[in-house]
Amino acid sequence: MENKKKILVIEDDQDINRTLCLRLQMEDFEVIAAHEGHEGFYKATTQRPDLIILDLKLPGLPGEEICKELRKDEKYASLPIIMLTAKDTDVDKVIGKIIGANQYMSKPFDMDELLKKISLLLSEH
């Protein structure tokens, strides 16, 4: 039997976090939730997720810093990261790519599109 893929959701908005977690569990993923930056970084480095969904505006430690720190460490350098954020200018998207996000989605987002991106990234790793 195949092991479930583990997804870490780092999102401070309680409703979005809950919705994402429930939908991902319905899609048969193991889901870990974090609501704050330091908690998210800790879980990213201790829980060994297969993919991270990362908000940029987080209390404590911003998503940009989490992404940069993970990319500096060879253990996490290839970990797929999807940035999911209200910041949606072209400049924000370029910054997302520069700091190491594999995909960038703006809020409000389409759940089916997010699931396609997750599936694509997990199939590549």
PDB file of N, CA and C in Angstrom:
ATOM      1  N   MET A   1       0.837  -1.191   0.000  1.00  0.00           N
ATOM      2  CA  MET A   1       0.000   0.000   0.000  1.00  0.00           C
ATOM      3  C   MET A   1       0.878   1.250   0.000  1.00  0.00           C
ATOM      4  N   GLU A   2       0.523   2.194  -0.833  1.00  0.00           N
ATOM      5  CA  GLU A   2       1.312   3.417  -0.963  1.00  0.00           C
ATOM      6  C   GLU A   2       1.094   4.323   0.247  1.00  0.00           C
ATOM      7  N   ASN A   3       2.195   4.916   0.710  1.00  0.00           N
ATOM      8  CA  ASN A   3       2.078   5.864   1.816  1.00  0.00           C
ATOM      9  C   ASN A   3       1.394   7.134   1.337  1.00  0.00           C
ATOM     10  N   LYS A   4       0.619   7.730   2.231  1.00  0.00           N
ATOM     11  CA  LYS A   4      -0.012   8.996   1.897  1.00  0.00           C
ATOM     12  C   LYS A   4       1.052  10.073   1.798  1.00  0.00           C
ATOM     13  N   LYS A   5       0.872  10.972   0.841  1.00  0.00           N
ATOM     14  CA  LYS A   5       1.752  12.132   0.741  1.00  0.00           C
ATOM     15  C   LYS A   5       1.369  13.121   1.838  1.00  0.00           C
ATOM     16  N   LYS A   6       2.389  13.752   2.408  1.00  0.00           N
ATOM     17  CA  LYS A   6       2.193  14.651   3.534  1.00  0.00           C
ATOM     18  C   LYS A   6       2.331  16.096   3.062  1.00  0.00           C
ATOM     19  N   ILE A   7       1.300  16.898   3.349  1.00  0.00           N
ATOM     20  CA  ILE A   7       1.302  18.299   2.953  1.00  0.00           C
ATOM     21  C   ILE A   7       1.219  19.175   4.197  1.00  0.00           C
ATOM     22  N   LEU A   8       2.115  20.150   4.262  1.00  0.00           N
ATOM     23  CA  LEU A   8       2.111  21.131   5.347  1.00  0.00           C
ATOM     24  C   LEU A   8       1.452  22.407   4.841  1.00  0.00           C
ATOM     25  N   VAL A   9       0.407  22.846   5.545  1.00  0.00           N
ATOM     26  CA  VAL A   9      -0.293  24.085   5.215  1.00  0.00           C
ATOM     27  C   VAL A   9       0.113  25.127   6.247  1.00  0.00           C
ATOM     28  N   ILE A  10       0.807  26.183   5.791  1.00  0.00           N
ATOM     29  CA  ILE A  10       1.196  27.279   6.688  1.00  0.00           C
ATOM     30  C   ILE A  10       0.379  28.495   6.270  1.00  0.00           C
ATOM     31  N   GLU A  11      -0.681  28.747   7.012  1.00  0.00           N
ATOM     32  CA  GLU A  11      -1.661  29.780   6.659  1.00  0.00           C
ATOM     33  C   GLU A  11      -2.274  30.316   7.941  1.00  0.00           C
ATOM     34  N   ASP A  12      -2.196  31.641   8.149  1.00  0.00           N
ATOM     35  CA  ASP A  12      -2.703  32.206   9.401  1.00  0.00           C
ATOM     36  C   ASP A  12      -4.212  32.443   9.407  1.00  0.00           C
ATOM     37  N   ASP A  13      -4.849  32.519   8.246  1.00  0.00           N
ATOM     38  CA  ASP A  13      -6.298  32.687   8.199  1.00  0.00           C
ATOM     39  C   ASP A  13      -6.949  31.347   8.572  1.00  0.00           C
ATOM     40  N   GLN A  14      -7.645  31.348   9.708  1.00  0.00           N
ATOM     41  CA  GLN A  14      -8.211  30.101  10.244  1.00  0.00           C
ATOM     42  C   GLN A  14      -9.154  29.418   9.259  1.00  0.00           C
ATOM     43  N   ASP A  15     -10.014  30.208   8.596  1.00  0.00           N
ATOM     44  CA  ASP A  15     -10.987  29.621   7.676  1.00  0.00           C
ATOM     45  C   ASP A  15     -10.309  28.984   6.462  1.00  0.00           C
ATOM     46  N   ILE A  16      -9.351  29.694   5.895  1.00  0.00           N
ATOM     47  CA  ILE A  16      -8.631  29.153   4.731  1.00  0.00           C
ATOM     48  C   ILE A  16      -7.848  27.916   5.151  1.00  0.00           C
ATOM     49  N   ASN A  17      -7.173  27.977   6.292  1.00  0.00           N
ATOM     50  CA  ASN A  17      -6.391  26.845   6.774  1.00  0.00           C
ATOM     51  C   ASN A  17      -7.288  25.619   6.945  1.00  0.00           C
ATOM     52  N   ARG A  18      -8.417  25.802   7.610  1.00  0.00           N
ATOM     53  CA  ARG A  18      -9.341  24.692   7.863  1.00  0.00           C
ATOM     54  C   ARG A  18      -9.876  24.121   6.554  1.00  0.00           C
ATOM     55  N   THR A  19     -10.282  25.009   5.636  1.00  0.00           N
ATOM     56  CA  THR A  19     -10.824  24.572   4.347  1.00  0.00           C
ATOM     57  C   THR A  19      -9.788  23.770   3.561  1.00  0.00           C
ATOM     58  N   LEU A  20      -8.564  24.295   3.500  1.00  0.00           N
ATOM     59  CA  LEU A  20      -7.491  23.581   2.798  1.00  0.00           C
ATOM     60  C   LEU A  20      -7.245  22.211   3.415  1.00  0.00           C
ATOM     61  N   CYS A  21      -7.140  22.171   4.729  1.00  0.00           N
ATOM     62  CA  CYS A  21      -6.847  20.913   5.407  1.00  0.00           C
ATOM     63  C   CYS A  21      -7.943  19.877   5.160  1.00  0.00           C
ATOM     64  N   LEU A  22      -9.189  20.290   5.274  1.00  0.00           N
ATOM     65  CA  LEU A  22     -10.300  19.360   5.054  1.00  0.00           C
ATOM     66  C   LEU A  22     -10.319  18.833   3.632  1.00  0.00           C
ATOM     67  N   ARG A  23     -10.140  19.728   2.667  1.00  0.00           N
ATOM     68  CA  ARG A  23     -10.180  19.300   1.261  1.00  0.00           C
ATOM     69  C   ARG A  23      -9.002  18.378   0.937  1.00  0.00           C
ATOM     70  N   LEU A  24      -7.827  18.705   1.450  1.00  0.00           N
ATOM     71  CA  LEU A  24      -6.661  17.854   1.188  1.00  0.00           C
ATOM     72  C   LEU A  24      -6.830  16.479   1.839  1.00  0.00           C
ATOM     73  N   GLN A  25      -7.422  16.441   3.014  1.00  0.00           N
ATOM     74  CA  GLN A  25      -7.693  15.145   3.655  1.00  0.00           C
ATOM     75  C   GLN A  25      -8.696  14.343   2.830  1.00  0.00           C
ATOM     76  N   MET A  26      -9.697  15.018   2.253  1.00  0.00           N
ATOM     77  CA  MET A  26     -10.665  14.343   1.387  1.00  0.00           C
ATOM     78  C   MET A  26      -9.977  13.763   0.155  1.00  0.00           C
ATOM     79  N   GLU A  27      -8.884  14.409  -0.264  1.00  0.00           N
ATOM     80  CA  GLU A  27      -8.119  13.923  -1.423  1.00  0.00           C
ATOM     81  C   GLU A  27      -7.089  12.876  -1.011  1.00  0.00           C
ATOM     82  N   ASP A  28      -7.153  12.439   0.230  1.00  0.00           N
ATOM     83  CA  ASP A  28      -6.325  11.363   0.774  1.00  0.00           C
ATOM     84  C   ASP A  28      -4.872  11.758   1.044  1.00  0.00           C
ATOM     85  N   PHE A  29      -4.660  13.016   1.381  1.00  0.00           N
ATOM     86  CA  PHE A  29      -3.343  13.462   1.820  1.00  0.00           C
ATOM     87  C   PHE A  29      -3.296  13.455   3.338  1.00  0.00           C
ATOM     88  N   GLU A  30      -2.118  13.240   3.879  1.00  0.00           N
ATOM     89  CA  GLU A  30      -1.897  13.488   5.298  1.00  0.00           C
ATOM     90  C   GLU A  30      -1.595  14.976   5.409  1.00  0.00           C
ATOM     91  N   VAL A  31      -2.264  15.676   6.329  1.00  0.00           N
ATOM     92  CA  VAL A  31      -2.142  17.128   6.386  1.00  0.00           C
ATOM     93  C   VAL A  31      -1.650  17.575   7.755  1.00  0.00           C
ATOM     94  N   ILE A  32      -0.699  18.492   7.731  1.00  0.00           N
ATOM     95  CA  ILE A  32      -0.190  19.135   8.941  1.00  0.00           C
ATOM     96  C   ILE A  32      -0.529  20.614   8.796  1.00  0.00           C
ATOM     97  N   ALA A  33      -1.027  21.222   9.861  1.00  0.00           N
ATOM     98  CA  ALA A  33      -1.406  22.638   9.793  1.00  0.00           C
ATOM     99  C   ALA A  33      -0.529  23.468  10.724  1.00  0.00           C
ATOM    100  N   ALA A  34      -0.190  24.665  10.257  1.00  0.00           N
ATOM    101  CA  ALA A  34       0.498  25.652  11.089  1.00  0.00           C
ATOM    102  C   ALA A  34      -0.169  26.998  10.817  1.00  0.00           C
ATOM    103  N   HIS A  35      -0.288  27.823  11.861  1.00  0.00           N
ATOM    104  CA  HIS A  35      -0.987  29.102  11.731  1.00  0.00           C
ATOM    105  C   HIS A  35      -0.059  30.295  11.903  1.00  0.00           C
ATOM    106  N   GLU A  36       1.221  30.035  12.083  1.00  0.00           N
ATOM    107  CA  GLU A  36       2.172  31.099  12.389  1.00  0.00           C
ATOM    108  C   GLU A  36       3.521  30.709  11.801  1.00  0.00           C
ATOM    109  N   GLY A  37       4.350  31.695  11.470  1.00  0.00           N
ATOM    110  CA  GLY A  37       5.594  31.445  10.752  1.00  0.00           C
ATOM    111  C   GLY A  37       6.584  30.540  11.454  1.00  0.00           C
ATOM    112  N   HIS A  38       6.888  30.812  12.718  1.00  0.00           N
ATOM    113  CA  HIS A  38       7.881  29.989  13.432  1.00  0.00           C
ATOM    114  C   HIS A  38       7.398  28.556  13.574  1.00  0.00           C
ATOM    115  N   GLU A  39       6.113  28.403  13.875  1.00  0.00           N
ATOM    116  CA  GLU A  39       5.516  27.062  13.983  1.00  0.00           C
ATOM    117  C   GLU A  39       5.620  26.338  12.636  1.00  0.00           C
ATOM    118  N   GLY A  40       5.335  27.067  11.555  1.00  0.00           N
ATOM    119  CA  GLY A  40       5.402  26.473  10.223  1.00  0.00           C
ATOM    120  C   GLY A  40       6.806  26.028   9.864  1.00  0.00           C
ATOM    121  N   PHE A  41       7.800  26.871  10.158  1.00  0.00           N
ATOM    122  CA  PHE A  41       9.188  26.509   9.860  1.00  0.00           C
ATOM    123  C   PHE A  41       9.609  25.291  10.677  1.00  0.00           C
ATOM    124  N   TYR A  42       9.235  25.261  11.943  1.00  0.00           N
ATOM    125  CA  TYR A  42       9.555  24.122  12.812  1.00  0.00           C
ATOM    126  C   TYR A  42       8.941  22.836  12.254  1.00  0.00           C
ATOM    127  N   LYS A  43       7.675  22.898  11.877  1.00  0.00           N
ATOM    128  CA  LYS A  43       7.015  21.703  11.341  1.00  0.00           C
ATOM    129  C   LYS A  43       7.606  21.295   9.991  1.00  0.00           C
ATOM    130  N   ALA A  44       8.026  22.271   9.196  1.00  0.00           N
ATOM    131  CA  ALA A  44       8.644  21.956   7.899  1.00  0.00           C
ATOM    132  C   ALA A  44       9.935  21.180   8.081  1.00  0.00           C
ATOM    133  N   THR A  45      10.674  21.495   9.151  1.00  0.00           N
ATOM    134  CA  THR A  45      11.980  20.855   9.344  1.00  0.00           C
ATOM    135  C   THR A  45      11.916  19.613  10.230  1.00  0.00           C
ATOM    136  N   THR A  46      10.809  19.387  10.908  1.00  0.00           N
ATOM    137  CA  THR A  46      10.716  18.211  11.784  1.00  0.00           C
ATOM    138  C   THR A  46       9.723  17.166  11.293  1.00  0.00           C
ATOM    139  N   GLN A  47       8.726  17.562  10.527  1.00  0.00           N
ATOM    140  CA  GLN A  47       7.672  16.629  10.092  1.00  0.00           C
ATOM    141  C   GLN A  47       7.920  16.039   8.702  1.00  0.00           C
ATOM    142  N   ARG A  48       8.905  16.558   7.997  1.00  0.00           N
ATOM    143  CA  ARG A  48       9.278  16.064   6.659  1.00  0.00           C
ATOM    144  C   ARG A  48       8.095  15.982   5.683  1.00  0.00           C
ATOM    145  N   PRO A  49       7.444  17.120   5.410  1.00  0.00           N
ATOM    146  CA  PRO A  49       6.338  17.085   4.446  1.00  0.00           C
ATOM    147  C   PRO A  49       6.851  16.828   3.031  1.00  0.00           C
ATOM    148  N   ASP A  50       5.963  16.339   2.172  1.00  0.00           N
ATOM    149  CA  ASP A  50       6.292  16.133   0.760  1.00  0.00           C
ATOM    150  C   ASP A  50       6.072  17.404  -0.048  1.00  0.00           C
ATOM    151  N   LEU A  51       5.293  18.337   0.523  1.00  0.00           N
ATOM    152  CA  LEU A  51       4.978  19.590  -0.161  1.00  0.00           C
ATOM    153  C   LEU A  51       4.498  20.588   0.883  1.00  0.00           C
ATOM    154  N   ILE A  52       4.758  21.874   0.639  1.00  0.00           N
ATOM    155  CA  ILE A  52       4.299  22.938   1.547  1.00  0.00           C
ATOM    156  C   ILE A  52       3.431  23.920   0.773  1.00  0.00           C
ATOM    157  N   ILE A  53       2.296  24.276   1.373  1.00  0.00           N
ATOM    158  CA  ILE A  53       1.476  25.386   0.887  1.00  0.00           C
ATOM    159  C   ILE A  53       1.737  26.521   1.861  1.00  0.00           C
ATOM    160  N   LEU A  54       2.267  27.624   1.353  1.00  0.00           N
ATOM    161  CA  LEU A  54       2.823  28.670   2.198  1.00  0.00           C
ATOM    162  C   LEU A  54       2.218  30.038   1.910  1.00  0.00           C
ATOM    163  N   ASP A  55       1.630  30.633   2.944  1.00  0.00           N
ATOM    164  CA  ASP A  55       1.169  32.022   2.846  1.00  0.00           C
ATOM    165  C   ASP A  55       2.386  32.925   3.038  1.00  0.00           C
ATOM    166  N   LEU A  56       2.354  34.123   2.482  1.00  0.00           N
ATOM    167  CA  LEU A  56       3.468  35.053   2.664  1.00  0.00           C
ATOM    168  C   LEU A  56       3.310  35.910   3.911  1.00  0.00           C
ATOM    169  N   LYS A  57       2.112  36.418   4.128  1.00  0.00           N
ATOM    170  CA  LYS A  57       1.865  37.280   5.286  1.00  0.00           C
ATOM    171  C   LYS A  57       1.516  36.416   6.491  1.00  0.00           C
ATOM    172  N   LEU A  58       2.510  36.165   7.315  1.00  0.00           N
ATOM    173  CA  LEU A  58       2.327  35.322   8.499  1.00  0.00           C
ATOM    174  C   LEU A  58       2.812  36.055   9.736  1.00  0.00           C
ATOM    175  N   PRO A  59       2.144  35.847  10.867  1.00  0.00           N
ATOM    176  CA  PRO A  59       2.680  36.416  12.105  1.00  0.00           C
ATOM    177  C   PRO A  59       3.962  35.689  12.510  1.00  0.00           C
ATOM    178  N   GLY A  60       4.860  36.410  13.132  1.00  0.00           N
ATOM    179  CA  GLY A  60       6.098  35.802  13.631  1.00  0.00           C
ATOM    180  C   GLY A  60       7.212  35.780  12.608  1.00  0.00           C
ATOM    181  N   LEU A  61       7.076  34.947  11.604  1.00  0.00           N
ATOM    182  CA  LEU A  61       8.111  34.774  10.583  1.00  0.00           C
ATOM    183  C   LEU A  61       7.414  34.787   9.221  1.00  0.00           C
ATOM    184  N   PRO A  62       7.724  35.766   8.359  1.00  0.00           N
ATOM    185  CA  PRO A  62       7.047  35.851   7.061  1.00  0.00           C
ATOM    186  C   PRO A  62       7.347  34.641   6.168  1.00  0.00           C
ATOM    187  N   GLY A  63       6.397  34.351   5.283  1.00  0.00           N
ATOM    188  CA  GLY A  63       6.553  33.231   4.361  1.00  0.00           C
ATOM    189  C   GLY A  63       7.800  33.331   3.503  1.00  0.00           C
ATOM    190  N   GLU A  64       8.171  34.560   3.105  1.00  0.00           N
ATOM    191  CA  GLU A  64       9.382  34.736   2.298  1.00  0.00           C
ATOM    192  C   GLU A  64      10.608  34.208   3.042  1.00  0.00           C
ATOM    193  N   GLU A  65      10.672  34.491   4.339  1.00  0.00           N
ATOM    194  CA  GLU A  65      11.822  34.044   5.144  1.00  0.00           C
ATOM    195  C   GLU A  65      11.828  32.531   5.304  1.00  0.00           C
ATOM    196  N   ILE A  66      10.655  31.945   5.495  1.00  0.00           N
ATOM    197  CA  ILE A  66      10.562  30.486   5.609  1.00  0.00           C
ATOM    198  C   ILE A  66      11.093  29.847   4.332  1.00  0.00           C
ATOM    199  N   CYS A  67      10.628  30.347   3.200  1.00  0.00           N
ATOM    200  CA  CYS A  67      11.044  29.806   1.905  1.00  0.00           C
ATOM    201  C   CYS A  67      12.556  29.949   1.716  1.00  0.00           C
ATOM    202  N   LYS A  68      13.097  31.133   2.003  1.00  0.00           N
ATOM    203  CA  LYS A  68      14.543  31.366   1.832  1.00  0.00           C
ATOM    204  C   LYS A  68      15.359  30.438   2.721  1.00  0.00           C
ATOM    205  N   GLU A  69      14.938  30.290   3.983  1.00  0.00           N
ATOM    206  CA  GLU A  69      15.679  29.436   4.920  1.00  0.00           C
ATOM    207  C   GLU A  69      15.639  27.976   4.493  1.00  0.00           C
ATOM    208  N   LEU A  70      14.494  27.506   4.031  1.00  0.00           N
ATOM    209  CA  LEU A  70      14.393  26.116   3.572  1.00  0.00           C
ATOM    210  C   LEU A  70      15.278  25.885   2.351  1.00  0.00           C
ATOM    211  N   ARG A  71      15.320  26.841   1.441  1.00  0.00           N
ATOM    212  CA  ARG A  71      16.117  26.688   0.222  1.00  0.00           C
ATOM    213  C   ARG A  71      17.623  26.704   0.497  1.00  0.00           C
ATOM    214  N   LYS A  72      18.038  27.286   1.616  1.00  0.00           N
ATOM    215  CA  LYS A  72      19.468  27.312   1.975  1.00  0.00           C
ATOM    216  C   LYS A  72      19.960  25.952   2.447  1.00  0.00           C
ATOM    217  N   ASP A  73      19.057  25.119   2.939  1.00  0.00           N
ATOM    218  CA  ASP A  73      19.416  23.825   3.520  1.00  0.00           C
ATOM    219  C   ASP A  73      19.223  22.725   2.473  1.00  0.00           C
ATOM    220  N   GLU A  74      20.286  21.989   2.172  1.00  0.00           N
ATOM    221  CA  GLU A  74      20.196  20.988   1.099  1.00  0.00           C
ATOM    222  C   GLU A  74      19.134  19.925   1.366  1.00  0.00           C
ATOM    223  N   LYS A  75      18.793  19.689   2.631  1.00  0.00           N
ATOM    224  CA  LYS A  75      17.749  18.693   2.939  1.00  0.00           C
ATOM    225  C   LYS A  75      16.387  19.133   2.425  1.00  0.00           C
ATOM    226  N   TYR A  76      16.179  20.444   2.305  1.00  0.00           N
ATOM    227  CA  TYR A  76      14.869  20.969   1.918  1.00  0.00           C
ATOM    228  C   TYR A  76      14.906  21.746   0.607  1.00  0.00           C
ATOM    229  N   ALA A  77      16.051  21.806  -0.015  1.00  0.00           N
ATOM    230  CA  ALA A  77      16.224  22.646  -1.207  1.00  0.00           C
ATOM    231  C   ALA A  77      15.272  22.256  -2.341  1.00  0.00           C
ATOM    232  N   SER A  78      14.928  20.974  -2.442  1.00  0.00           N
ATOM    233  CA  SER A  78      14.053  20.554  -3.540  1.00  0.00           C
ATOM    234  C   SER A  78      12.617  20.302  -3.085  1.00  0.00           C
ATOM    235  N   LEU A  79      12.304  20.602  -1.845  1.00  0.00           N
ATOM    236  CA  LEU A  79      10.948  20.426  -1.322  1.00  0.00           C
ATOM    237  C   LEU A  79       9.988  21.343  -2.079  1.00  0.00           C
ATOM    238  N   PRO A  80       8.942  20.783  -2.709  1.00  0.00           N
ATOM    239  CA  PRO A  80       8.023  21.647  -3.461  1.00  0.00           C
ATOM    240  C   PRO A  80       7.275  22.622  -2.539  1.00  0.00           C
ATOM    241  N   ILE A  81       7.244  23.887  -2.955  1.00  0.00           N
ATOM    242  CA  ILE A  81       6.555  24.924  -2.191  1.00  0.00           C
ATOM    243  C   ILE A  81       5.602  25.666  -3.129  1.00  0.00           C
ATOM    244  N   ILE A  82       4.331  25.736  -2.714  1.00  0.00           N
ATOM    245  CA  ILE A  82       3.337  26.532  -3.424  1.00  0.00           C
ATOM    246  C   ILE A  82       3.026  27.734  -2.555  1.00  0.00           C
ATOM    247  N   MET A  83       3.307  28.928  -3.067  1.00  0.00           N
ATOM    248  CA  MET A  83       2.948  30.134  -2.338  1.00  0.00           C
ATOM    249  C   MET A  83       1.502  30.467  -2.660  1.00  0.00           C
ATOM    250  N   LEU A  84       0.735  30.682  -1.604  1.00  0.00           N
ATOM    251  CA  LEU A  84      -0.678  31.000  -1.730  1.00  0.00           C
ATOM    252  C   LEU A  84      -0.891  32.285  -0.949  1.00  0.00           C
ATOM    253  N   THR A  85      -1.118  33.371  -1.665  1.00  0.00           N
ATOM    254  CA  THR A  85      -1.074  34.662  -0.988  1.00  0.00           C
ATOM    255  C   THR A  85      -1.995  35.694  -1.618  1.00  0.00           C
ATOM    256  N   ALA A  86      -2.350  36.686  -0.829  1.00  0.00           N
ATOM    257  CA  ALA A  86      -3.152  37.797  -1.337  1.00  0.00           C
ATOM    258  C   ALA A  86      -2.300  38.757  -2.159  1.00  0.00           C
ATOM    259  N   LYS A  87      -0.975  38.663  -2.020  1.00  0.00           N
ATOM    260  CA  LYS A  87      -0.079  39.511  -2.819  1.00  0.00           C
ATOM    261  C   LYS A  87      -0.073  38.973  -4.249  1.00  0.00           C
ATOM    262  N   ASP A  88      -0.593  39.747  -5.192  1.00  0.00           N
ATOM    263  CA  ASP A  88      -0.740  39.187  -6.532  1.00  0.00           C
ATOM    264  C   ASP A  88      -0.212  40.069  -7.660  1.00  0.00           C
ATOM    265  N   THR A  89       0.680  40.992  -7.337  1.00  0.00           N
ATOM    266  CA  THR A  89       1.260  41.793  -8.415  1.00  0.00           C
ATOM    267  C   THR A  89       2.325  40.965  -9.135  1.00  0.00           C
ATOM    268  N   ASP A  90       2.684  41.393 -10.322  1.00  0.00           N
ATOM    269  CA  ASP A  90       3.742  40.694 -11.068  1.00  0.00           C
ATOM    270  C   ASP A  90       5.051  40.709 -10.290  1.00  0.00           C
ATOM    271  N   VAL A  91       5.314  41.808  -9.595  1.00  0.00           N
ATOM    272  CA  VAL A  91       6.543  41.903  -8.798  1.00  0.00           C
ATOM    273  C   VAL A  91       6.541  40.837  -7.703  1.00  0.00           C
ATOM    274  N   ASP A  92       5.400  40.662  -7.031  1.00  0.00           N
ATOM    275  CA  ASP A  92       5.305  39.643  -5.985  1.00  0.00           C
ATOM    276  C   ASP A  92       5.560  38.250  -6.558  1.00  0.00           C
ATOM    277  N   LYS A  93       5.030  37.992  -7.747  1.00  0.00           N
ATOM    278  CA  LYS A  93       5.216  36.672  -8.369  1.00  0.00           C
ATOM    279  C   LYS A  93       6.681  36.437  -8.715  1.00  0.00           C
ATOM    280  N   VAL A  94       7.353  37.464  -9.197  1.00  0.00           N
ATOM    281  CA  VAL A  94       8.787  37.343  -9.506  1.00  0.00           C
ATOM    282  C   VAL A  94       9.579  37.086  -8.223  1.00  0.00           C
ATOM    283  N   ILE A  95       9.250  37.834  -7.171  1.00  0.00           N
ATOM    284  CA  ILE A  95       9.930  37.629  -5.884  1.00  0.00           C
ATOM    285  C   ILE A  95       9.707  36.202  -5.397  1.00  0.00           C
ATOM    286  N   GLY A  96       8.483  35.701  -5.543  1.00  0.00           N
ATOM    287  CA  GLY A  96       8.180  34.331  -5.146  1.00  0.00           C
ATOM    288  C   GLY A  96       9.080  33.328  -5.843  1.00  0.00           C
ATOM    289  N   LYS A  97       9.272  33.520  -7.135  1.00  0.00           N
ATOM    290  CA  LYS A  97      10.157  32.620  -7.901  1.00  0.00           C
ATOM    291  C   LYS A  97      11.610  32.768  -7.460  1.00  0.00           C
ATOM    292  N   ILE A  98      12.036  34.002  -7.241  1.00  0.00           N
ATOM    293  CA  ILE A  98      13.431  34.253  -6.863  1.00  0.00           C
ATOM    294  C   ILE A  98      13.766  33.584  -5.531  1.00  0.00           C
ATOM    295  N   ILE A  99      12.841  33.645  -4.575  1.00  0.00           N
ATOM    296  CA  ILE A  99      13.148  33.054  -3.266  1.00  0.00           C
ATOM    297  C   ILE A  99      12.908  31.556  -3.229  1.00  0.00           C
ATOM    298  N   GLY A 100      12.397  30.994  -4.318  1.00  0.00           N
ATOM    299  CA  GLY A 100      12.376  29.548  -4.410  1.00  0.00           C
ATOM    300  C   GLY A 100      11.036  28.851  -4.455  1.00  0.00           C
ATOM    301  N   ALA A 101       9.950  29.586  -4.630  1.00  0.00           N
ATOM    302  CA  ALA A 101       8.648  28.920  -4.729  1.00  0.00           C
ATOM    303  C   ALA A 101       8.546  28.189  -6.073  1.00  0.00           C
ATOM    304  N   ASN A 102       7.980  26.989  -6.049  1.00  0.00           N
ATOM    305  CA  ASN A 102       7.770  26.236  -7.288  1.00  0.00           C
ATOM    306  C   ASN A 102       6.547  26.746  -8.045  1.00  0.00           C
ATOM    307  N   GLN A 103       5.533  27.156  -7.296  1.00  0.00           N
ATOM    308  CA  GLN A 103       4.298  27.672  -7.876  1.00  0.00           C
ATOM    309  C   GLN A 103       3.848  28.865  -7.043  1.00  0.00           C
ATOM    310  N   TYR A 104       3.050  29.736  -7.651  1.00  0.00           N
ATOM    311  CA  TYR A 104       2.565  30.935  -6.970  1.00  0.00           C
ATOM    312  C   TYR A 104       1.096  31.087  -7.317  1.00  0.00           C
ATOM    313  N   MET A 105       0.243  31.121  -6.306  1.00  0.00           N
ATOM    314  CA  MET A 105      -1.193  31.302  -6.530  1.00  0.00           C
ATOM    315  C   MET A 105      -1.699  32.463  -5.698  1.00  0.00           C
ATOM    316  N   SER A 106      -2.586  33.250  -6.299  1.00  0.00           N
ATOM    317  CA  SER A 106      -3.169  34.400  -5.606  1.00  0.00           C
ATOM    318  C   SER A 106      -4.502  34.016  -4.975  1.00  0.00           C
ATOM    319  N   LYS A 107      -4.782  34.648  -3.828  1.00  0.00           N
ATOM    320  CA  LYS A 107      -6.094  34.503  -3.205  1.00  0.00           C
ATOM    321  C   LYS A 107      -7.010  35.573  -3.776  1.00  0.00           C
ATOM    322  N   PRO A 108      -8.288  35.306  -3.956  1.00  0.00           N
ATOM    323  CA  PRO A 108      -8.912  33.998  -3.762  1.00  0.00           C
ATOM    324  C   PRO A 108      -8.424  33.022  -4.833  1.00  0.00           C
ATOM    325  N   PHE A 109      -8.368  31.747  -4.469  1.00  0.00           N
ATOM    326  CA  PHE A 109      -7.808  30.749  -5.377  1.00  0.00           C
ATOM    327  C   PHE A 109      -8.862  29.709  -5.735  1.00  0.00           C
ATOM    328  N   ASP A 110      -8.605  29.012  -6.810  1.00  0.00           N
ATOM    329  CA  ASP A 110      -9.471  27.931  -7.266  1.00  0.00           C
ATOM    330  C   ASP A 110      -8.917  26.615  -6.713  1.00  0.00           C
ATOM    331  N   MET A 111      -9.709  25.912  -5.915  1.00  0.00           N
ATOM    332  CA  MET A 111      -9.243  24.682  -5.268  1.00  0.00           C
ATOM    333  C   MET A 111      -8.824  23.627  -6.284  1.00  0.00           C
ATOM    334  N   ASP A 112      -9.566  23.485  -7.374  1.00  0.00           N
ATOM    335  CA  ASP A 112      -9.206  22.481  -8.383  1.00  0.00           C
ATOM    336  C   ASP A 112      -7.866  22.804  -9.026  1.00  0.00           C
ATOM    337  N   GLU A 113      -7.619  24.087  -9.274  1.00  0.00           N
ATOM    338  CA  GLU A 113      -6.331  24.496  -9.836  1.00  0.00           C
ATOM    339  C   GLU A 113      -5.200  24.191  -8.850  1.00  0.00           C
ATOM    340  N   LEU A 114      -5.446  24.468  -7.568  1.00  0.00           N
ATOM    341  CA  LEU A 114      -4.445  24.165  -6.541  1.00  0.00           C
ATOM    342  C   LEU A 114      -4.158  22.661  -6.493  1.00  0.00           C
ATOM    343  N   LEU A 115      -5.199  21.847  -6.558  1.00  0.00           N
ATOM    344  CA  LEU A 115      -5.010  20.393  -6.521  1.00  0.00           C
ATOM    345  C   LEU A 115      -4.216  19.903  -7.736  1.00  0.00           C
ATOM    346  N   LYS A 116      -4.446  20.522  -8.890  1.00  0.00           N
ATOM    347  CA  LYS A 116      -3.671  20.156 -10.093  1.00  0.00           C
ATOM    348  C   LYS A 116      -2.191  20.494  -9.894  1.00  0.00           C
ATOM    349  N   LYS A 117      -1.919  21.668  -9.326  1.00  0.00           N
ATOM    350  CA  LYS A 117      -0.522  22.065  -9.087  1.00  0.00           C
ATOM    351  C   LYS A 117       0.143  21.120  -8.084  1.00  0.00           C
ATOM    352  N   ILE A 118      -0.593  20.745  -7.042  1.00  0.00           N
ATOM    353  CA  ILE A 118      -0.064  19.806  -6.041  1.00  0.00           C
ATOM    354  C   ILE A 118       0.270  18.486  -6.722  1.00  0.00           C
ATOM    355  N   SER A 119      -0.664  17.970  -7.499  1.00  0.00           N
ATOM    356  CA  SER A 119      -0.453  16.700  -8.183  1.00  0.00           C
ATOM    357  C   SER A 119       0.768  16.754  -9.112  1.00  0.00           C
ATOM    358  N   LEU A 120       0.881  17.839  -9.858  1.00  0.00           N
ATOM    359  CA  LEU A 120       2.010  18.025 -10.765  1.00  0.00           C
ATOM    360  C   LEU A 120       3.338  18.038 -10.014  1.00  0.00           C
ATOM    361  N   LEU A 121       3.398  18.840  -8.956  1.00  0.00           N
ATOM    362  CA  LEU A 121       4.655  18.948  -8.197  1.00  0.00           C
ATOM    363  C   LEU A 121       5.028  17.628  -7.522  1.00  0.00           C
ATOM    364  N   LEU A 122       4.042  16.928  -6.987  1.00  0.00           N
ATOM    365  CA  LEU A 122       4.343  15.654  -6.316  1.00  0.00           C
ATOM    366  C   LEU A 122       4.780  14.590  -7.327  1.00  0.00           C
ATOM    367  N   SER A 123       4.255  14.652  -8.534  1.00  0.00           N
ATOM    368  CA  SER A 123       4.660  13.670  -9.548  1.00  0.00           C
ATOM    369  C   SER A 123       6.088  13.928 -10.042  1.00  0.00           C
ATOM    370  N   GLU A 124       6.551  15.176  -9.906  1.00  0.00           N
ATOM    371  CA  GLU A 124       7.898  15.536 -10.340  1.00  0.00           C
ATOM    372  C   GLU A 124       8.956  15.176  -9.298  1.00  0.00           C
ATOM    373  N   HIS A 125       8.533  14.969  -8.046  1.00  0.00           N
ATOM    374  CA  HIS A 125       9.507  14.711  -6.979  1.00  0.00           C
ATOM    375  C   HIS A 125       9.404  13.301  -6.467  1.00  0.00           C
TER     376      HIS A 125
END
